[in-house]
């Protein structure tokens, strides 16, 4: 196994590890999705010079130059995507930290997993890899415990 815990997590922590893995998975997907939306927003803003405004004076949805957004009114969806990704990234880092703590991974693992929220599409790859490693580790440990139990 490429990443093994520094100390062996006790079997009583397995339900906590599973909950932490679910918490991590949810925020990995949410952060990854919003990071891809941020990439689209950056292209729209810096290549096309526009922001997406919903419900403004120009209709249900309109691309508006950034300097005209206040005068158009409505909801600035481009800004909402940026802010939402920021909050989701913080939650992603918290879920990453909780997972490495209950799995007793080294802090370097936290940094590597944390990069998934910064590099587009990497959170999906990291989620798949981390989920597989944690599930394999838990299955192996449960098998070892079952084999050592008296019959």
N, C-alpha and C. Protein backbone atom coordinates (compact mmCIF):
# COMPACT_ATOMS: atom_id res chain seq x y z
N UNK A 1 0.86 -1.18 0.00
CA UNK A 1 0.00 0.00 0.00
C UNK A 1 0.90 1.24 0.00
N UNK A 2 0.66 2.19 -0.92
CA UNK A 2 1.55 3.33 -1.03
C UNK A 2 1.60 4.21 0.21
N UNK A 3 0.49 4.41 0.86
CA UNK A 3 0.44 5.24 2.07
C UNK A 3 -0.06 4.38 3.21
N UNK A 4 0.77 4.18 4.17
CA UNK A 4 0.32 3.45 5.34
C UNK A 4 0.31 4.40 6.53
N UNK A 5 -0.57 4.16 7.48
CA UNK A 5 -0.65 5.04 8.64
C UNK A 5 0.63 5.01 9.46
N UNK A 6 0.92 6.12 10.14
CA UNK A 6 2.08 6.17 11.03
C UNK A 6 1.87 5.22 12.20
N UNK A 7 0.65 5.22 12.73
CA UNK A 7 0.26 4.28 13.79
C UNK A 7 -0.99 3.57 13.31
N UNK A 8 -1.22 2.38 13.77
CA UNK A 8 -2.36 1.59 13.34
C UNK A 8 -3.63 2.10 14.03
N UNK A 9 -4.63 2.53 13.24
CA UNK A 9 -5.88 2.96 13.86
C UNK A 9 -6.57 1.78 14.52
N UNK A 10 -7.11 1.97 15.73
CA UNK A 10 -7.82 0.86 16.38
C UNK A 10 -9.12 0.55 15.64
N UNK A 11 -9.57 -0.69 15.75
CA UNK A 11 -10.79 -1.09 15.04
C UNK A 11 -12.01 -0.33 15.54
N UNK A 12 -11.99 0.16 16.75
CA UNK A 12 -13.13 0.94 17.24
C UNK A 12 -13.29 2.27 16.48
N UNK A 13 -12.24 2.70 15.78
CA UNK A 13 -12.30 3.93 14.99
C UNK A 13 -12.81 3.72 13.57
N UNK A 14 -13.07 2.47 13.18
CA UNK A 14 -13.49 2.21 11.80
C UNK A 14 -14.78 2.92 11.41
N UNK A 15 -15.81 2.97 12.28
CA UNK A 15 -17.00 3.75 11.89
C UNK A 15 -16.69 5.23 11.70
N UNK A 16 -15.81 5.77 12.54
CA UNK A 16 -15.41 7.17 12.40
C UNK A 16 -14.65 7.38 11.10
N UNK A 17 -13.80 6.43 10.76
CA UNK A 17 -13.05 6.52 9.50
C UNK A 17 -14.00 6.50 8.32
N UNK A 18 -15.00 5.64 8.35
CA UNK A 18 -15.97 5.58 7.25
C UNK A 18 -16.77 6.88 7.12
N UNK A 19 -17.18 7.45 8.26
CA UNK A 19 -17.89 8.75 8.23
C UNK A 19 -16.98 9.85 7.70
N UNK A 20 -15.73 9.83 8.11
CA UNK A 20 -14.78 10.85 7.65
C UNK A 20 -14.53 10.71 6.16
N UNK A 21 -14.49 9.47 5.68
CA UNK A 21 -14.31 9.24 4.25
C UNK A 21 -15.50 9.77 3.46
N UNK A 22 -16.70 9.56 3.96
CA UNK A 22 -17.90 10.09 3.30
C UNK A 22 -17.88 11.63 3.28
N UNK A 23 -17.53 12.24 4.40
CA UNK A 23 -17.40 13.69 4.52
C UNK A 23 -16.38 14.20 3.49
N UNK A 24 -15.25 13.51 3.38
CA UNK A 24 -14.22 13.89 2.42
C UNK A 24 -14.74 13.75 0.99
N UNK A 25 -15.41 12.64 0.68
CA UNK A 25 -15.90 12.40 -0.68
C UNK A 25 -16.86 13.50 -1.13
N UNK A 26 -17.78 13.87 -0.26
CA UNK A 26 -18.77 14.90 -0.60
C UNK A 26 -18.07 16.21 -0.95
N UNK A 27 -17.13 16.62 -0.11
CA UNK A 27 -16.47 17.90 -0.36
C UNK A 27 -15.45 17.83 -1.48
N UNK A 28 -14.90 16.65 -1.75
CA UNK A 28 -14.00 16.51 -2.90
C UNK A 28 -14.77 16.74 -4.20
N UNK A 29 -15.95 16.13 -4.31
CA UNK A 29 -16.75 16.33 -5.51
C UNK A 29 -17.27 17.76 -5.63
N UNK A 30 -17.75 18.32 -4.53
CA UNK A 30 -18.28 19.69 -4.57
C UNK A 30 -17.18 20.68 -4.92
N UNK A 31 -16.01 20.54 -4.29
CA UNK A 31 -14.90 21.45 -4.56
C UNK A 31 -14.42 21.31 -6.00
N UNK A 32 -14.30 20.07 -6.46
CA UNK A 32 -13.86 19.83 -7.85
C UNK A 32 -14.81 20.42 -8.86
N UNK A 33 -16.10 20.26 -8.62
CA UNK A 33 -17.10 20.81 -9.54
C UNK A 33 -17.02 22.33 -9.58
N UNK A 34 -16.94 22.96 -8.41
CA UNK A 34 -16.87 24.41 -8.40
C UNK A 34 -15.53 24.93 -8.92
N UNK A 35 -14.47 24.15 -8.78
CA UNK A 35 -13.18 24.58 -9.35
C UNK A 35 -13.26 24.58 -10.88
N UNK A 36 -13.96 23.60 -11.45
CA UNK A 36 -14.15 23.61 -12.90
C UNK A 36 -15.01 24.80 -13.32
N UNK A 37 -16.02 25.13 -12.52
CA UNK A 37 -16.83 26.32 -12.81
C UNK A 37 -16.00 27.60 -12.70
N UNK A 38 -15.07 27.64 -11.75
CA UNK A 38 -14.17 28.79 -11.62
C UNK A 38 -13.32 28.92 -12.88
N UNK A 39 -12.85 27.81 -13.41
CA UNK A 39 -12.05 27.86 -14.64
C UNK A 39 -12.86 28.43 -15.80
N UNK A 40 -14.12 28.01 -15.91
CA UNK A 40 -15.01 28.55 -16.94
C UNK A 40 -15.22 30.04 -16.71
N UNK A 41 -15.43 30.41 -15.47
CA UNK A 41 -15.66 31.82 -15.13
C UNK A 41 -14.43 32.67 -15.47
N UNK A 42 -13.24 32.15 -15.21
CA UNK A 42 -12.01 32.89 -15.52
C UNK A 42 -11.88 33.11 -17.02
N UNK A 43 -12.21 32.08 -17.80
CA UNK A 43 -12.16 32.22 -19.26
C UNK A 43 -13.18 33.26 -19.73
N UNK A 44 -14.39 33.17 -19.20
CA UNK A 44 -15.43 34.13 -19.60
C UNK A 44 -15.03 35.55 -19.22
N UNK A 45 -14.45 35.70 -18.05
CA UNK A 45 -14.10 37.05 -17.59
C UNK A 45 -12.88 37.62 -18.33
N UNK A 46 -11.80 36.83 -18.42
CA UNK A 46 -10.56 37.39 -18.95
C UNK A 46 -10.38 37.22 -20.45
N UNK A 47 -11.06 36.27 -21.05
CA UNK A 47 -10.97 36.13 -22.52
C UNK A 47 -12.09 36.93 -23.18
N UNK A 48 -13.30 36.81 -22.64
CA UNK A 48 -14.44 37.49 -23.26
C UNK A 48 -14.82 38.79 -22.56
N UNK A 49 -14.22 39.08 -21.42
CA UNK A 49 -14.46 40.33 -20.72
C UNK A 49 -15.86 40.49 -20.18
N UNK A 50 -16.44 39.41 -19.69
CA UNK A 50 -17.82 39.46 -19.21
C UNK A 50 -17.98 38.72 -17.89
N UNK A 51 -19.09 39.00 -17.22
CA UNK A 51 -19.52 38.26 -16.04
C UNK A 51 -20.97 37.88 -16.27
N UNK A 52 -21.38 36.77 -15.71
CA UNK A 52 -22.76 36.31 -15.87
C UNK A 52 -23.62 36.89 -14.76
N UNK A 53 -24.64 37.64 -15.16
CA UNK A 53 -25.59 38.24 -14.22
C UNK A 53 -26.96 37.63 -14.48
N UNK A 54 -27.60 37.20 -13.40
CA UNK A 54 -28.91 36.57 -13.50
C UNK A 54 -29.96 37.50 -12.90
N UNK A 55 -31.07 37.67 -13.62
CA UNK A 55 -32.19 38.45 -13.11
C UNK A 55 -31.97 39.95 -13.09
N UNK A 56 -31.13 40.45 -13.94
CA UNK A 56 -30.88 41.88 -13.99
C UNK A 56 -31.77 42.58 -15.00
N UNK A 57 -31.42 43.83 -15.31
CA UNK A 57 -32.21 44.64 -16.24
C UNK A 57 -32.13 44.12 -17.67
N UNK A 58 -31.14 43.28 -17.97
CA UNK A 58 -30.96 42.77 -19.33
C UNK A 58 -31.66 41.44 -19.57
N UNK A 59 -32.41 40.94 -18.61
CA UNK A 59 -33.15 39.69 -18.81
C UNK A 59 -32.81 38.65 -17.76
N UNK A 60 -33.24 37.41 -18.03
CA UNK A 60 -33.06 36.32 -17.07
C UNK A 60 -31.59 36.03 -16.82
N UNK A 61 -30.77 36.04 -17.85
CA UNK A 61 -29.33 35.83 -17.73
C UNK A 61 -28.64 36.61 -18.83
N UNK A 62 -27.54 37.28 -18.47
CA UNK A 62 -26.83 38.08 -19.46
C UNK A 62 -25.35 38.15 -19.10
N UNK A 63 -24.54 38.20 -20.16
CA UNK A 63 -23.11 38.43 -19.97
C UNK A 63 -22.88 39.93 -20.04
N UNK A 64 -22.28 40.45 -18.97
CA UNK A 64 -22.14 41.89 -18.81
C UNK A 64 -20.67 42.20 -18.53
N UNK A 65 -20.14 43.29 -19.10
CA UNK A 65 -18.77 43.69 -18.73
C UNK A 65 -18.69 43.97 -17.22
N UNK A 66 -17.57 43.63 -16.57
CA UNK A 66 -17.46 43.77 -15.11
C UNK A 66 -17.78 45.17 -14.58
N UNK A 67 -17.41 46.20 -15.31
CA UNK A 67 -17.65 47.56 -14.82
C UNK A 67 -19.13 47.95 -14.90
N UNK A 68 -19.94 47.23 -15.67
CA UNK A 68 -21.36 47.54 -15.79
C UNK A 68 -22.26 46.69 -14.89
N UNK A 69 -21.68 45.73 -14.17
CA UNK A 69 -22.48 44.83 -13.32
C UNK A 69 -23.30 45.60 -12.28
N UNK A 70 -22.73 46.59 -11.57
CA UNK A 70 -23.56 47.30 -10.58
C UNK A 70 -24.75 48.03 -11.19
N UNK A 71 -24.59 48.59 -12.39
CA UNK A 71 -25.68 49.35 -12.99
C UNK A 71 -26.77 48.44 -13.56
N UNK A 72 -26.43 47.22 -13.91
CA UNK A 72 -27.41 46.28 -14.47
C UNK A 72 -28.29 45.70 -13.36
N UNK A 73 -27.70 45.53 -12.17
CA UNK A 73 -28.44 44.92 -11.07
C UNK A 73 -28.50 43.41 -11.24
N UNK A 74 -29.29 42.77 -10.45
CA UNK A 74 -29.41 41.32 -10.53
C UNK A 74 -28.36 40.61 -9.67
N UNK A 75 -28.27 39.32 -9.85
CA UNK A 75 -27.38 38.47 -9.07
C UNK A 75 -26.15 38.13 -9.90
N UNK A 76 -24.97 38.47 -9.40
CA UNK A 76 -23.72 38.21 -10.11
C UNK A 76 -23.33 36.75 -9.87
N UNK A 77 -23.67 35.89 -10.81
CA UNK A 77 -23.41 34.46 -10.69
C UNK A 77 -21.92 34.16 -10.75
N UNK A 78 -21.16 34.93 -11.50
CA UNK A 78 -19.71 34.72 -11.59
C UNK A 78 -19.05 34.91 -10.23
N UNK A 79 -19.42 35.96 -9.53
CA UNK A 79 -18.87 36.21 -8.20
C UNK A 79 -19.32 35.13 -7.22
N UNK A 80 -20.57 34.68 -7.32
CA UNK A 80 -21.09 33.63 -6.43
C UNK A 80 -20.31 32.33 -6.60
N UNK A 81 -19.92 32.00 -7.83
CA UNK A 81 -19.13 30.79 -8.07
C UNK A 81 -17.78 30.90 -7.38
N UNK A 82 -17.14 32.05 -7.49
CA UNK A 82 -15.83 32.25 -6.85
C UNK A 82 -15.92 32.13 -5.33
N UNK A 83 -16.90 32.78 -4.75
CA UNK A 83 -17.06 32.76 -3.29
C UNK A 83 -17.41 31.35 -2.80
N UNK A 84 -18.32 30.69 -3.51
CA UNK A 84 -18.72 29.33 -3.12
C UNK A 84 -17.54 28.38 -3.17
N UNK A 85 -16.74 28.48 -4.22
CA UNK A 85 -15.56 27.61 -4.29
C UNK A 85 -14.63 27.87 -3.11
N UNK A 86 -14.47 29.11 -2.72
CA UNK A 86 -13.60 29.42 -1.59
C UNK A 86 -14.06 28.74 -0.31
N UNK A 87 -15.36 28.83 -0.02
CA UNK A 87 -15.89 28.18 1.18
C UNK A 87 -15.82 26.66 1.07
N UNK A 88 -16.12 26.13 -0.10
CA UNK A 88 -16.04 24.67 -0.28
C UNK A 88 -14.61 24.18 -0.15
N UNK A 89 -13.65 24.98 -0.60
CA UNK A 89 -12.25 24.58 -0.48
C UNK A 89 -11.84 24.50 1.00
N UNK A 90 -12.33 25.43 1.81
CA UNK A 90 -12.04 25.38 3.24
C UNK A 90 -12.63 24.12 3.85
N UNK A 91 -13.87 23.80 3.48
CA UNK A 91 -14.51 22.58 3.99
C UNK A 91 -13.77 21.34 3.49
N UNK A 92 -13.27 21.39 2.25
CA UNK A 92 -12.49 20.28 1.70
C UNK A 92 -11.21 20.08 2.51
N UNK A 93 -10.53 21.15 2.87
CA UNK A 93 -9.32 21.03 3.68
C UNK A 93 -9.64 20.48 5.07
N UNK A 94 -10.75 20.91 5.64
CA UNK A 94 -11.15 20.37 6.95
C UNK A 94 -11.44 18.88 6.84
N UNK A 95 -12.18 18.48 5.81
CA UNK A 95 -12.48 17.05 5.63
C UNK A 95 -11.21 16.25 5.38
N UNK A 96 -10.29 16.82 4.65
CA UNK A 96 -8.99 16.18 4.40
C UNK A 96 -8.24 16.00 5.72
N UNK A 97 -8.22 17.05 6.55
CA UNK A 97 -7.50 16.98 7.82
C UNK A 97 -8.14 15.95 8.76
N UNK A 98 -9.46 15.93 8.81
CA UNK A 98 -10.14 14.95 9.66
C UNK A 98 -9.81 13.53 9.20
N UNK A 99 -9.83 13.30 7.90
CA UNK A 99 -9.54 11.96 7.38
C UNK A 99 -8.11 11.53 7.69
N UNK A 100 -7.13 12.41 7.45
CA UNK A 100 -5.76 12.00 7.72
C UNK A 100 -5.51 11.83 9.22
N UNK A 101 -6.29 12.55 10.03
CA UNK A 101 -6.13 12.41 11.48
C UNK A 101 -6.65 11.06 11.96
N UNK A 102 -7.85 10.68 11.54
CA UNK A 102 -8.40 9.40 12.00
C UNK A 102 -7.67 8.22 11.37
N UNK A 103 -7.12 8.41 10.18
CA UNK A 103 -6.34 7.34 9.54
C UNK A 103 -4.89 7.33 10.02
N UNK A 104 -4.50 8.38 10.74
CA UNK A 104 -3.15 8.53 11.28
C UNK A 104 -2.09 8.56 10.16
N UNK A 105 -2.43 9.30 9.11
CA UNK A 105 -1.48 9.54 8.02
C UNK A 105 -0.53 10.67 8.41
N UNK A 106 0.63 10.75 7.76
CA UNK A 106 1.53 11.89 8.02
C UNK A 106 0.96 13.18 7.43
N UNK A 107 1.43 14.30 7.94
CA UNK A 107 0.92 15.61 7.51
C UNK A 107 1.22 15.87 6.03
N UNK A 108 2.24 15.25 5.49
CA UNK A 108 2.53 15.42 4.05
C UNK A 108 1.38 14.89 3.20
N UNK A 109 0.70 13.89 3.70
CA UNK A 109 -0.47 13.35 2.99
C UNK A 109 -1.57 14.41 2.92
N UNK A 110 -1.73 15.19 3.97
CA UNK A 110 -2.71 16.28 4.00
C UNK A 110 -2.42 17.27 2.87
N UNK A 111 -1.17 17.62 2.71
CA UNK A 111 -0.78 18.60 1.69
C UNK A 111 -1.05 18.05 0.29
N UNK A 112 -0.71 16.80 0.07
CA UNK A 112 -0.90 16.20 -1.25
C UNK A 112 -2.39 16.10 -1.59
N UNK A 113 -3.19 15.65 -0.62
CA UNK A 113 -4.64 15.57 -0.87
C UNK A 113 -5.22 16.97 -1.03
N UNK A 114 -4.73 17.93 -0.27
CA UNK A 114 -5.22 19.31 -0.34
C UNK A 114 -5.03 19.95 -1.70
N UNK A 115 -4.01 19.53 -2.43
CA UNK A 115 -3.79 20.07 -3.77
C UNK A 115 -4.94 19.75 -4.72
N UNK A 116 -5.73 18.74 -4.36
CA UNK A 116 -6.88 18.39 -5.19
C UNK A 116 -7.89 19.52 -5.32
N UNK A 117 -7.94 20.42 -4.36
CA UNK A 117 -8.87 21.54 -4.44
C UNK A 117 -8.31 22.75 -5.16
N UNK A 118 -7.06 22.64 -5.63
CA UNK A 118 -6.41 23.77 -6.29
C UNK A 118 -6.19 23.49 -7.78
N UNK A 119 -5.87 22.26 -8.11
CA UNK A 119 -5.60 21.87 -9.50
C UNK A 119 -6.91 21.34 -10.10
N UNK A 120 -7.37 21.93 -11.21
CA UNK A 120 -8.64 21.50 -11.80
C UNK A 120 -8.67 20.00 -12.09
N UNK A 121 -9.76 19.36 -11.71
CA UNK A 121 -10.06 17.93 -11.90
C UNK A 121 -9.22 17.00 -11.02
N UNK A 122 -8.22 17.51 -10.30
CA UNK A 122 -7.41 16.64 -9.46
C UNK A 122 -8.18 16.13 -8.25
N UNK A 123 -9.17 16.88 -7.78
CA UNK A 123 -9.94 16.41 -6.62
C UNK A 123 -10.69 15.12 -6.94
N UNK A 124 -11.13 14.97 -8.18
CA UNK A 124 -11.82 13.74 -8.58
C UNK A 124 -10.85 12.56 -8.58
N UNK A 125 -9.65 12.79 -9.08
CA UNK A 125 -8.63 11.74 -9.12
C UNK A 125 -8.20 11.38 -7.70
N UNK A 126 -7.94 12.39 -6.88
CA UNK A 126 -7.51 12.13 -5.50
C UNK A 126 -8.61 11.44 -4.71
N UNK A 127 -9.86 11.84 -4.91
CA UNK A 127 -10.96 11.20 -4.20
C UNK A 127 -11.02 9.72 -4.53
N UNK A 128 -10.89 9.39 -5.79
CA UNK A 128 -10.94 7.99 -6.22
C UNK A 128 -9.79 7.20 -5.60
N UNK A 129 -8.61 7.78 -5.62
CA UNK A 129 -7.43 7.10 -5.08
C UNK A 129 -7.52 6.95 -3.56
N UNK A 130 -7.86 8.02 -2.86
CA UNK A 130 -7.94 7.98 -1.39
C UNK A 130 -9.04 7.02 -0.95
N UNK A 131 -10.19 7.09 -1.61
CA UNK A 131 -11.30 6.20 -1.26
C UNK A 131 -10.88 4.74 -1.42
N UNK A 132 -10.22 4.42 -2.52
CA UNK A 132 -9.77 3.05 -2.74
C UNK A 132 -8.76 2.59 -1.70
N UNK A 133 -7.81 3.47 -1.36
CA UNK A 133 -6.79 3.10 -0.37
C UNK A 133 -7.40 2.89 1.02
N UNK A 134 -8.29 3.79 1.43
CA UNK A 134 -8.88 3.68 2.76
C UNK A 134 -9.77 2.44 2.84
N UNK A 135 -10.59 2.22 1.82
CA UNK A 135 -11.46 1.03 1.82
C UNK A 135 -10.63 -0.25 1.81
N UNK A 136 -9.56 -0.28 1.03
CA UNK A 136 -8.71 -1.48 1.00
C UNK A 136 -8.04 -1.71 2.35
N UNK A 137 -7.60 -0.64 2.98
CA UNK A 137 -6.96 -0.75 4.29
C UNK A 137 -7.96 -1.29 5.33
N UNK A 138 -9.17 -0.72 5.33
CA UNK A 138 -10.18 -1.18 6.29
C UNK A 138 -10.55 -2.64 6.04
N UNK A 139 -10.70 -3.03 4.78
CA UNK A 139 -11.04 -4.42 4.46
C UNK A 139 -9.94 -5.37 4.92
N UNK A 140 -8.69 -4.99 4.69
CA UNK A 140 -7.56 -5.82 5.10
C UNK A 140 -7.53 -5.96 6.62
N UNK A 141 -7.69 -4.86 7.32
CA UNK A 141 -7.68 -4.91 8.78
C UNK A 141 -8.84 -5.73 9.34
N UNK A 142 -10.03 -5.57 8.75
CA UNK A 142 -11.17 -6.35 9.22
C UNK A 142 -10.96 -7.84 8.95
N UNK A 143 -10.34 -8.16 7.84
CA UNK A 143 -10.03 -9.55 7.53
C UNK A 143 -9.02 -10.12 8.53
N UNK A 144 -8.01 -9.34 8.89
CA UNK A 144 -7.03 -9.77 9.86
C UNK A 144 -7.65 -9.98 11.24
N UNK A 145 -8.55 -9.08 11.62
CA UNK A 145 -9.23 -9.21 12.92
C UNK A 145 -10.10 -10.45 12.94
N UNK A 146 -10.84 -10.70 11.84
CA UNK A 146 -11.71 -11.86 11.75
C UNK A 146 -10.89 -13.16 11.79
N UNK A 147 -9.73 -13.15 11.14
CA UNK A 147 -8.89 -14.35 11.10
C UNK A 147 -8.27 -14.65 12.47
N UNK A 148 -8.00 -13.61 13.24
CA UNK A 148 -7.36 -13.83 14.55
C UNK A 148 -8.36 -14.07 15.67
N UNK A 149 -9.66 -13.88 15.38
CA UNK A 149 -10.68 -14.11 16.39
C UNK A 149 -10.86 -15.60 16.64
N UNK A 150 -11.08 -15.98 17.90
CA UNK A 150 -11.27 -17.40 18.17
C UNK A 150 -12.58 -17.90 17.57
N UNK A 151 -12.53 -19.13 17.07
CA UNK A 151 -13.71 -19.68 16.39
C UNK A 151 -14.70 -20.28 17.32
